[in-house]
Amino acid sequence: MKKFLDILLIVLLTILVVNIFNWDKKVANNNAVLFEFTSDSYTIPASVILNVTNNSDKAITFNTCNNVKINNSWTDLKFSDTFCKDISLWTNSWTNINYSTQYDKFFNTWEYNLSVNYDGKQFYDQFEIEHKWTIKKIFVWVFYAPIYNLMIFLLTLFNWVFGWAILSITIIIRLVLLYPQHKMMVSQKKLQAIQPKIKAIQTEFKWNQAVLWQKLMELYKTEKVNPMWSCGFLLIQMPILLVIYNIILGIKDPSSYFYVYSFLSNFKLDSINYNFFGLDLLSSWGIWGLVLAISVAVVQFLQVKLSLADKNKNLDKKWVVLEKKSWDDNYSQFMPDPDMMNKFMLYWMPAMVWVFTYSLFAWVGIYWWISTTFMLVQQLIVNKMLQK
């Protein structure tokens, strides 16, 4: 108990010291005007953002070009006339100067220096422009750029209606992934069908892991089942979902023009219509968000329900749970209860999908609903094929 109190006292003293230093820093900056970049490092194409905070006791006014200078290799950057404007900032307020429309001025790598001359005072800061790492470059040019341009093409095709573009790109992606998704569903069903044999092997060779895995591999080969297809497909889907999510997050970022193919160069950000049948696709929550989240959860429930194995009344259920034998104190349960896992998939997964869909942007719900509905239909087809 004494040891616990000593540790608690040390933690409290540490928090107190940190707060004292932070308080001093806040007091020191209480009457200051601050100009600082949101990051020390950006990658090409760079969406540079300068944060301006007015903690002084009076309002300030400055020009984004005349008072704020950014140079690279001792040469001041020249920005467009539309970017140069006066900004007024009241006391105890802040704003961001977004240079994303000027991304082509930040193509050179190395250090960039900020110099602000305001009210007879000088303010300095700096950041660095870097190229993306090799792996990130490959990811961008293999996944991000093609899907981003596909999105732009669909927007032009559907008269800039964002909702139809989301529906179309989801269906296209599901069609591309049709075969691997089919293989995964078939593999899952076959694995469920041979669970009694798997459990029998696990019980018989539970003390010899080497022999156990050898017997399992022989069983998979005999039954023509590849367990990797059951989870490997998720590895294919995740990069695509991450790409789409990042594309939508940055759809309003002008620096994304860097990735636009030449034949789509007439694309205009301000042409996009984000309203889809009364639903703002870049918003969340609200009554429509609730309806969308519930519908996605229902479809997810039905899809999982169809993917689970049908219960066979004539099947001895001893294989479901490896029970402890009273005569063997060293016996332990190696595998989780399949019934518990099935219940988790059937009830908790739709619940989690409901929470995520309701809290994220509405377009995520649209994507999820179309994608899961597609999988639901595919699951029905797979089940009928395997029944034959």
Protein backbone atom coordinates (compact mmCIF):
# COMPACT_ATOMS: atom_id res chain seq x y z
CA MET A 1 0.00 0.00 0.00
CA LYS A 2 2.81 2.39 0.92
CA LYS A 3 4.54 1.66 -2.39
CA PHE A 4 1.35 2.48 -4.27
CA LEU A 5 0.97 5.80 -2.40
CA ASP A 6 4.60 6.69 -3.16
CA ILE A 7 4.04 6.08 -6.88
CA LEU A 8 0.81 8.10 -6.80
CA LEU A 9 2.63 10.99 -5.08
CA ILE A 10 5.37 10.97 -7.76
CA VAL A 11 2.75 11.04 -10.53
CA LEU A 12 0.92 13.97 -8.92
CA LEU A 13 4.17 15.91 -8.48
CA THR A 14 5.08 15.28 -12.13
CA ILE A 15 1.68 16.57 -13.30
CA LEU A 16 2.08 19.63 -11.07
CA VAL A 17 5.53 20.45 -12.50
CA VAL A 18 4.32 20.01 -16.09
CA ASN A 19 1.34 22.29 -15.44
CA ILE A 20 3.62 24.93 -13.89
CA PHE A 21 5.81 24.99 -16.98
CA ASN A 22 2.78 25.06 -19.28
CA TRP A 23 1.27 27.87 -17.23
CA ASP A 24 4.45 29.87 -17.56
CA LYS A 25 4.45 29.28 -21.31
CA LYS A 26 0.82 30.37 -21.61
CA VAL A 27 1.51 33.49 -19.56
CA ALA A 28 4.54 34.24 -21.72
CA ASN A 29 2.45 33.96 -24.90
CA ASN A 30 -0.63 35.63 -23.45
CA ASN A 31 0.12 38.99 -25.05
CA ALA A 32 1.66 37.65 -28.27
CA VAL A 33 0.73 37.41 -31.92
CA LEU A 34 1.88 34.04 -33.25
CA PHE A 35 2.59 32.96 -36.83
CA GLU A 36 3.45 29.26 -37.10
CA PHE A 37 2.97 26.41 -39.58
CA THR A 38 0.79 23.47 -38.61
CA SER A 39 3.64 21.05 -39.36
CA ASP A 40 7.43 21.01 -39.55
CA SER A 41 7.35 18.82 -42.65
CA TYR A 42 5.09 18.41 -45.70
CA THR A 43 5.24 16.11 -48.71
CA ILE A 44 4.62 16.92 -52.36
CA PRO A 45 1.92 17.94 -53.21
CA ALA A 46 1.97 20.16 -50.14
CA SER A 47 -1.11 21.62 -48.49
CA VAL A 48 0.79 24.11 -46.38
CA ILE A 49 -1.22 25.78 -43.61
CA LEU A 50 -0.10 28.78 -41.57
CA ASN A 51 -1.79 29.28 -38.22
CA VAL A 52 -2.16 32.87 -36.96
CA THR A 53 -3.15 33.44 -33.33
CA ASN A 54 -3.90 36.84 -31.82
CA ASN A 55 -3.43 36.72 -28.04
CA SER A 56 -2.81 40.46 -27.82
CA ASP A 57 -5.19 43.04 -26.35
CA LYS A 58 -6.03 44.61 -29.72
CA ALA A 59 -7.24 43.56 -33.18
CA ILE A 60 -4.69 43.07 -35.95
CA THR A 61 -4.85 43.40 -39.74
CA PHE A 62 -2.25 42.00 -42.12
CA ASN A 63 -1.88 41.11 -45.80
CA THR A 64 -1.19 37.51 -46.81
CA CYS A 65 1.41 38.65 -49.36
CA ASN A 66 2.76 42.03 -48.25
CA ASN A 67 3.28 41.13 -44.59
CA VAL A 68 3.78 37.36 -44.89
CA LYS A 69 6.82 36.20 -46.88
CA ILE A 70 7.87 32.60 -47.58
CA ASN A 71 11.19 31.94 -49.29
CA ASN A 72 13.01 28.91 -50.62
CA SER A 73 16.75 29.10 -51.35
CA TRP A 74 16.61 32.82 -50.47
CA THR A 75 14.00 33.47 -53.16
CA ASP A 76 10.58 34.79 -52.10
CA LEU A 77 7.62 32.84 -53.42
CA LYS A 78 5.17 34.78 -55.58
CA PHE A 79 1.51 33.92 -55.02
CA SER A 80 -1.50 34.64 -57.23
CA ASP A 81 -3.37 37.93 -56.92
CA THR A 82 -6.53 36.13 -55.77
CA PHE A 83 -4.59 34.69 -52.84
CA CYS A 84 -3.29 38.06 -51.66
CA LYS A 85 -5.81 39.68 -49.31
CA ASP A 86 -6.15 41.55 -46.05
CA ILE A 87 -7.11 39.57 -42.95
CA SER A 88 -8.45 41.12 -39.76
CA LEU A 89 -8.19 39.17 -36.54
CA TRP A 90 -9.90 40.19 -33.32
CA THR A 91 -8.22 39.80 -29.93
CA ASN A 92 -8.11 36.25 -28.48
CA SER A 93 -8.92 34.64 -31.83
CA TRP A 94 -7.10 32.70 -34.53
CA THR A 95 -7.29 31.78 -38.22
CA ASN A 96 -5.55 29.57 -40.77
CA ILE A 97 -3.98 30.69 -44.03
CA ASN A 98 -4.35 27.73 -46.39
CA TYR A 99 -1.79 27.57 -49.22
CA SER A 100 -3.32 24.46 -50.84
CA THR A 101 -4.41 26.50 -53.88
CA GLN A 102 -0.75 27.47 -54.31
CA TYR A 103 0.57 23.90 -54.11
CA ASP A 104 2.58 24.33 -57.34
CA LYS A 105 4.82 26.85 -55.52
CA PHE A 106 6.01 24.11 -53.16
CA PHE A 107 7.41 21.55 -55.60
CA ASN A 108 11.04 22.12 -54.61
CA THR A 109 12.27 20.01 -51.74
CA TRP A 110 14.32 21.43 -48.85
CA GLU A 111 13.65 24.11 -46.25
CA TYR A 112 11.15 26.96 -46.58
CA ASN A 113 11.42 29.98 -44.30
CA LEU A 114 8.66 32.25 -43.05
CA SER A 115 9.25 35.93 -42.35
CA VAL A 116 6.40 38.12 -41.10
CA ASN A 117 6.82 41.85 -40.70
CA TYR A 118 3.95 43.26 -38.65
CA ASP A 119 3.71 46.34 -36.45
CA GLY A 120 7.48 46.74 -36.39
CA LYS A 121 7.99 43.17 -35.20
CA GLN A 122 9.49 40.19 -36.99
CA PHE A 123 8.14 36.65 -36.76
CA TYR A 124 10.00 33.58 -38.07
CA ASP A 125 9.18 29.93 -38.67
CA GLN A 126 10.20 27.21 -41.12
CA PHE A 127 9.16 23.85 -42.55
CA GLU A 128 10.57 21.30 -44.95
CA ILE A 129 9.18 19.88 -48.19
CA GLU A 130 10.00 16.22 -48.78
CA HIS A 131 9.25 13.57 -51.36
CA LYS A 132 7.05 10.67 -50.28
CA TRP A 133 8.83 7.51 -49.19
CA THR A 134 9.14 4.77 -51.79
CA ILE A 135 6.40 2.59 -50.30
CA LYS A 136 4.05 5.55 -50.00
CA LYS A 137 4.87 6.58 -53.60
CA ILE A 138 3.97 3.12 -54.86
CA PHE A 139 0.75 3.17 -52.83
CA VAL A 140 -0.18 6.61 -54.20
CA TRP A 141 0.48 5.87 -57.86
CA VAL A 142 -0.91 2.31 -57.85
CA PHE A 143 -4.02 2.89 -55.72
CA TYR A 144 -4.67 6.52 -54.86
CA ALA A 145 -4.16 8.28 -58.22
CA PRO A 146 -6.16 5.80 -60.37
CA ILE A 147 -9.12 5.67 -57.94
CA TYR A 148 -9.02 9.47 -57.49
CA ASN A 149 -9.19 9.98 -61.26
CA LEU A 150 -11.93 7.36 -61.54
CA MET A 151 -13.88 9.41 -59.00
CA ILE A 152 -13.29 12.59 -61.03
CA PHE A 153 -14.38 10.83 -64.24
CA LEU A 154 -17.59 9.58 -62.58
CA LEU A 155 -18.31 13.08 -61.26
CA THR A 156 -18.08 14.49 -64.77
CA LEU A 157 -20.20 11.60 -66.08
CA PHE A 158 -22.98 12.19 -63.52
CA ASN A 159 -23.04 15.97 -63.81
CA TRP A 160 -20.98 16.51 -60.62
CA VAL A 161 -23.48 14.75 -58.33
CA PHE A 162 -21.29 13.26 -55.60
CA GLY A 163 -23.84 10.63 -54.52
CA TRP A 164 -24.05 8.94 -57.92
CA ALA A 165 -20.25 8.92 -58.15
CA ILE A 166 -20.04 7.14 -54.76
CA LEU A 167 -22.65 4.57 -55.83
CA SER A 168 -20.87 3.94 -59.12
CA ILE A 169 -17.36 3.61 -57.70
CA THR A 170 -18.63 1.22 -55.03
CA ILE A 171 -20.26 -1.04 -57.63
CA ILE A 172 -17.15 -0.91 -59.84
CA ILE A 173 -14.92 -1.90 -56.91
CA ARG A 174 -17.28 -4.74 -55.92
CA LEU A 175 -17.21 -6.03 -59.51
CA VAL A 176 -13.40 -5.92 -59.55
CA LEU A 177 -13.33 -7.83 -56.25
CA LEU A 178 -16.09 -10.24 -57.31
CA TYR A 179 -13.85 -13.28 -57.82
CA PRO A 180 -11.73 -12.98 -54.64
CA GLN A 181 -14.90 -12.27 -52.63
CA HIS A 182 -16.50 -15.41 -54.11
CA LYS A 183 -13.43 -17.50 -53.22
CA MET A 184 -13.50 -16.17 -49.66
CA MET A 185 -17.20 -16.98 -49.17
CA VAL A 186 -16.82 -20.50 -50.56
CA SER A 187 -13.75 -21.09 -48.38
CA GLN A 188 -15.58 -19.88 -45.26
CA LYS A 189 -18.52 -22.21 -45.90
CA LYS A 190 -16.21 -25.19 -46.51
CA LEU A 191 -14.27 -24.44 -43.35
CA GLN A 192 -17.52 -24.39 -41.38
CA ALA A 193 -18.54 -27.72 -42.93
CA ILE A 194 -15.34 -29.50 -41.84
CA GLN A 195 -15.27 -28.02 -38.32
CA PRO A 196 -16.08 -31.41 -36.69
CA LYS A 197 -13.03 -32.94 -38.41
CA ILE A 198 -10.85 -29.98 -37.38
CA LYS A 199 -12.00 -30.28 -33.75
CA ALA A 200 -11.35 -34.03 -33.76
CA ILE A 201 -7.75 -33.46 -34.93
CA GLN A 202 -7.23 -30.68 -32.37
CA THR A 203 -8.48 -32.94 -29.59
CA GLU A 204 -6.43 -35.97 -30.67
CA PHE A 205 -3.13 -34.13 -31.20
CA LYS A 206 -3.50 -31.29 -28.70
CA TRP A 207 -0.20 -32.15 -27.03
CA ASN A 208 1.81 -32.23 -30.25
CA GLN A 209 1.51 -28.98 -32.20
CA ALA A 210 3.80 -30.10 -35.04
CA VAL A 211 1.69 -33.19 -35.80
CA LEU A 212 -1.51 -31.17 -35.28
CA TRP A 213 -0.58 -28.64 -37.97
CA GLN A 214 0.57 -31.41 -40.31
CA LYS A 215 -2.77 -33.21 -39.95
CA LEU A 216 -4.68 -29.95 -40.48
CA MET A 217 -2.73 -29.24 -43.68
CA GLU A 218 -3.51 -32.75 -44.93
CA LEU A 219 -7.20 -32.21 -44.14
CA TYR A 220 -7.27 -28.86 -45.99
CA LYS A 221 -5.60 -30.50 -48.99
CA THR A 222 -8.01 -33.45 -49.00
CA GLU A 223 -11.08 -31.22 -48.66
CA LYS A 224 -9.66 -28.68 -51.16
CA VAL A 225 -9.96 -25.81 -48.69
CA ASN A 226 -7.58 -22.85 -48.51
CA PRO A 227 -7.97 -21.16 -45.08
CA MET A 228 -6.02 -18.14 -46.31
CA TRP A 229 -8.95 -17.15 -48.52
CA SER A 230 -11.07 -16.71 -45.38
CA CYS A 231 -9.06 -13.75 -44.14
CA GLY A 232 -6.73 -12.84 -46.99
CA PHE A 233 -9.47 -11.00 -48.85
CA LEU A 234 -9.63 -8.45 -46.03
CA LEU A 235 -6.03 -7.52 -46.85
CA ILE A 236 -7.14 -6.70 -50.40
CA GLN A 237 -10.12 -4.61 -49.29
CA MET A 238 -8.39 -2.50 -46.63
CA PRO A 239 -6.04 -0.50 -48.94
CA ILE A 240 -8.97 0.29 -51.27
CA LEU A 241 -11.22 1.42 -48.41
CA LEU A 242 -8.40 3.56 -46.99
CA VAL A 243 -7.79 5.11 -50.42
CA ILE A 244 -11.46 5.98 -50.91
CA TYR A 245 -11.68 7.42 -47.39
CA ASN A 246 -8.60 9.62 -47.98
CA ILE A 247 -9.87 10.69 -51.40
CA ILE A 248 -13.18 11.85 -49.93
CA LEU A 249 -11.47 13.57 -47.00
CA GLY A 250 -9.28 15.49 -49.44
CA ILE A 251 -11.84 15.96 -52.20
CA LYS A 252 -11.98 19.70 -51.46
CA ASP A 253 -8.20 20.05 -51.24
CA PRO A 254 -6.91 21.91 -54.35
CA SER A 255 -3.50 20.26 -54.00
CA SER A 256 -5.14 17.00 -55.13
CA TYR A 257 -5.08 18.51 -58.64
CA PHE A 258 -1.51 17.24 -58.65
CA TYR A 259 -2.87 13.71 -59.27
CA VAL A 260 -5.44 14.62 -61.95
CA TYR A 261 -4.72 13.09 -65.37
CA SER A 262 -4.35 15.53 -68.26
CA PHE A 263 -7.63 14.58 -69.99
CA LEU A 264 -9.53 15.46 -66.78
CA SER A 265 -7.76 18.77 -66.17
CA ASN A 266 -11.00 20.75 -66.64
CA PHE A 267 -12.28 19.39 -63.32
CA LYS A 268 -13.49 22.13 -60.94
CA LEU A 269 -13.87 21.59 -57.21
CA ASP A 270 -16.67 24.11 -56.83
CA SER A 271 -18.81 22.15 -59.34
CA ILE A 272 -19.37 19.18 -57.00
CA ASN A 273 -22.86 18.77 -55.54
CA TYR A 274 -22.65 16.99 -52.17
CA ASN A 275 -26.43 16.90 -51.62
CA PHE A 276 -27.97 13.51 -52.45
CA PHE A 277 -31.76 13.25 -52.10
CA GLY A 278 -31.70 15.73 -49.22
CA LEU A 279 -28.70 14.10 -47.49
CA ASP A 280 -25.43 16.02 -47.12
CA LEU A 281 -22.80 13.37 -47.85
CA LEU A 282 -20.04 15.31 -46.08
CA SER A 283 -21.98 15.54 -42.82
CA SER A 284 -22.86 13.09 -40.06
CA TRP A 285 -25.47 12.58 -37.35
CA GLY A 286 -29.04 13.85 -37.81
CA ILE A 287 -32.23 11.89 -38.48
CA TRP A 288 -31.13 10.81 -41.97
CA GLY A 289 -27.81 9.67 -40.58
CA LEU A 290 -29.70 7.53 -38.04
CA VAL A 291 -31.92 5.97 -40.73
CA LEU A 292 -28.87 5.25 -42.90
CA ALA A 293 -26.96 3.70 -39.98
CA ILE A 294 -29.89 1.42 -39.07
CA SER A 295 -30.33 0.26 -42.68
CA VAL A 296 -26.61 -0.53 -42.97
CA ALA A 297 -26.70 -2.48 -39.68
CA VAL A 298 -29.72 -4.52 -40.86
CA VAL A 299 -28.06 -5.43 -44.16
CA GLN A 300 -24.85 -6.31 -42.29
CA PHE A 301 -26.84 -8.59 -39.93
CA LEU A 302 -28.50 -10.42 -42.85
CA GLN A 303 -25.18 -10.86 -44.65
CA VAL A 304 -23.46 -12.32 -41.56
CA LYS A 305 -26.50 -14.53 -40.86
CA LEU A 306 -26.28 -16.02 -44.33
CA SER A 307 -22.52 -16.52 -44.07
CA LEU A 308 -22.79 -18.69 -40.93
CA ALA A 309 -23.18 -22.43 -41.20
CA ASP A 310 -26.67 -23.92 -40.87
CA LYS A 311 -27.13 -25.88 -37.68
CA ASN A 312 -27.43 -29.61 -38.23
CA LYS A 313 -29.78 -31.16 -35.67
CA ASN A 314 -28.22 -34.59 -36.14
CA LEU A 315 -24.71 -33.31 -35.46
CA ASP A 316 -23.16 -34.18 -32.12
CA LYS A 317 -22.44 -30.78 -30.52
CA LYS A 318 -19.54 -32.07 -28.43
CA TRP A 319 -17.18 -30.64 -31.02
CA VAL A 320 -18.42 -27.10 -30.40
CA VAL A 321 -16.76 -26.68 -26.99
CA LEU A 322 -13.69 -28.56 -25.80
CA GLU A 323 -14.81 -29.39 -22.29
CA LYS A 324 -12.40 -30.04 -19.46
CA LYS A 325 -12.15 -33.70 -18.43
CA SER A 326 -12.48 -34.32 -14.71
CA TRP A 327 -9.74 -36.96 -14.84
CA ASP A 328 -7.22 -34.73 -16.62
CA ASP A 329 -6.04 -31.63 -14.71
CA ASN A 330 -3.66 -30.63 -17.50
CA TYR A 331 -6.38 -30.37 -20.15
CA SER A 332 -6.91 -26.85 -21.47
CA GLN A 333 -9.19 -25.30 -24.04
CA PHE A 334 -7.15 -24.31 -27.08
CA MET A 335 -9.90 -23.01 -29.31
CA PRO A 336 -12.58 -20.39 -28.57
CA ASP A 337 -16.21 -21.39 -28.48
CA PRO A 338 -17.49 -21.23 -32.10
CA ASP A 339 -21.01 -20.41 -30.87
CA MET A 340 -19.64 -17.39 -29.02
CA MET A 341 -17.67 -16.29 -32.10
CA ASN A 342 -20.79 -16.64 -34.26
CA LYS A 343 -22.86 -14.56 -31.85
CA PHE A 344 -20.17 -11.90 -31.87
CA MET A 345 -20.19 -11.76 -35.66
CA LEU A 346 -24.00 -11.84 -35.84
CA TYR A 347 -24.86 -9.23 -33.22
CA TRP A 348 -21.80 -7.18 -32.28
CA MET A 349 -20.56 -6.56 -35.80
CA PRO A 350 -23.84 -4.94 -36.97
CA ALA A 351 -23.87 -2.93 -33.73
CA MET A 352 -20.35 -1.63 -34.38
CA VAL A 353 -21.20 -0.90 -38.01
CA TRP A 354 -24.23 1.08 -36.79
CA VAL A 355 -22.06 3.20 -34.46
CA PHE A 356 -19.37 3.83 -37.09
CA THR A 357 -21.88 4.65 -39.83
CA TYR A 358 -23.77 7.08 -37.62
CA SER A 359 -20.64 8.88 -36.39
CA LEU A 360 -18.78 9.07 -39.73
CA PHE A 361 -19.65 10.99 -42.89
CA ALA A 362 -22.89 10.02 -44.63
CA TRP A 363 -21.02 8.93 -47.77
CA VAL A 364 -19.35 6.17 -45.69
CA GLY A 365 -22.83 4.82 -44.92
CA ILE A 366 -23.76 4.92 -48.61
CA TYR A 367 -20.56 3.06 -49.53
CA TRP A 368 -21.06 0.49 -46.76
CA TRP A 369 -24.73 -0.08 -47.61
CA ILE A 370 -24.11 -0.67 -51.32
CA SER A 371 -21.05 -2.81 -50.64
CA THR A 372 -22.79 -4.98 -48.02
CA THR A 373 -25.92 -5.36 -50.16
CA PHE A 374 -23.72 -6.53 -53.01
CA MET A 375 -22.09 -9.07 -50.66
CA LEU A 376 -25.53 -10.17 -49.42
CA VAL A 377 -26.68 -11.06 -52.93
CA GLN A 378 -23.37 -12.78 -53.61
CA GLN A 379 -23.70 -14.78 -50.39
CA LEU A 380 -27.16 -15.99 -51.44
CA ILE A 381 -25.72 -17.21 -54.75
CA VAL A 382 -22.78 -18.97 -53.03
CA ASN A 383 -25.10 -20.69 -50.56
CA LYS A 384 -27.33 -22.02 -53.36
CA MET A 385 -24.28 -23.24 -55.29
CA LEU A 386 -22.89 -25.10 -52.30
CA GLN A 387 -26.27 -26.64 -51.45
CA LYS A 388 -26.31 -28.26 -54.90
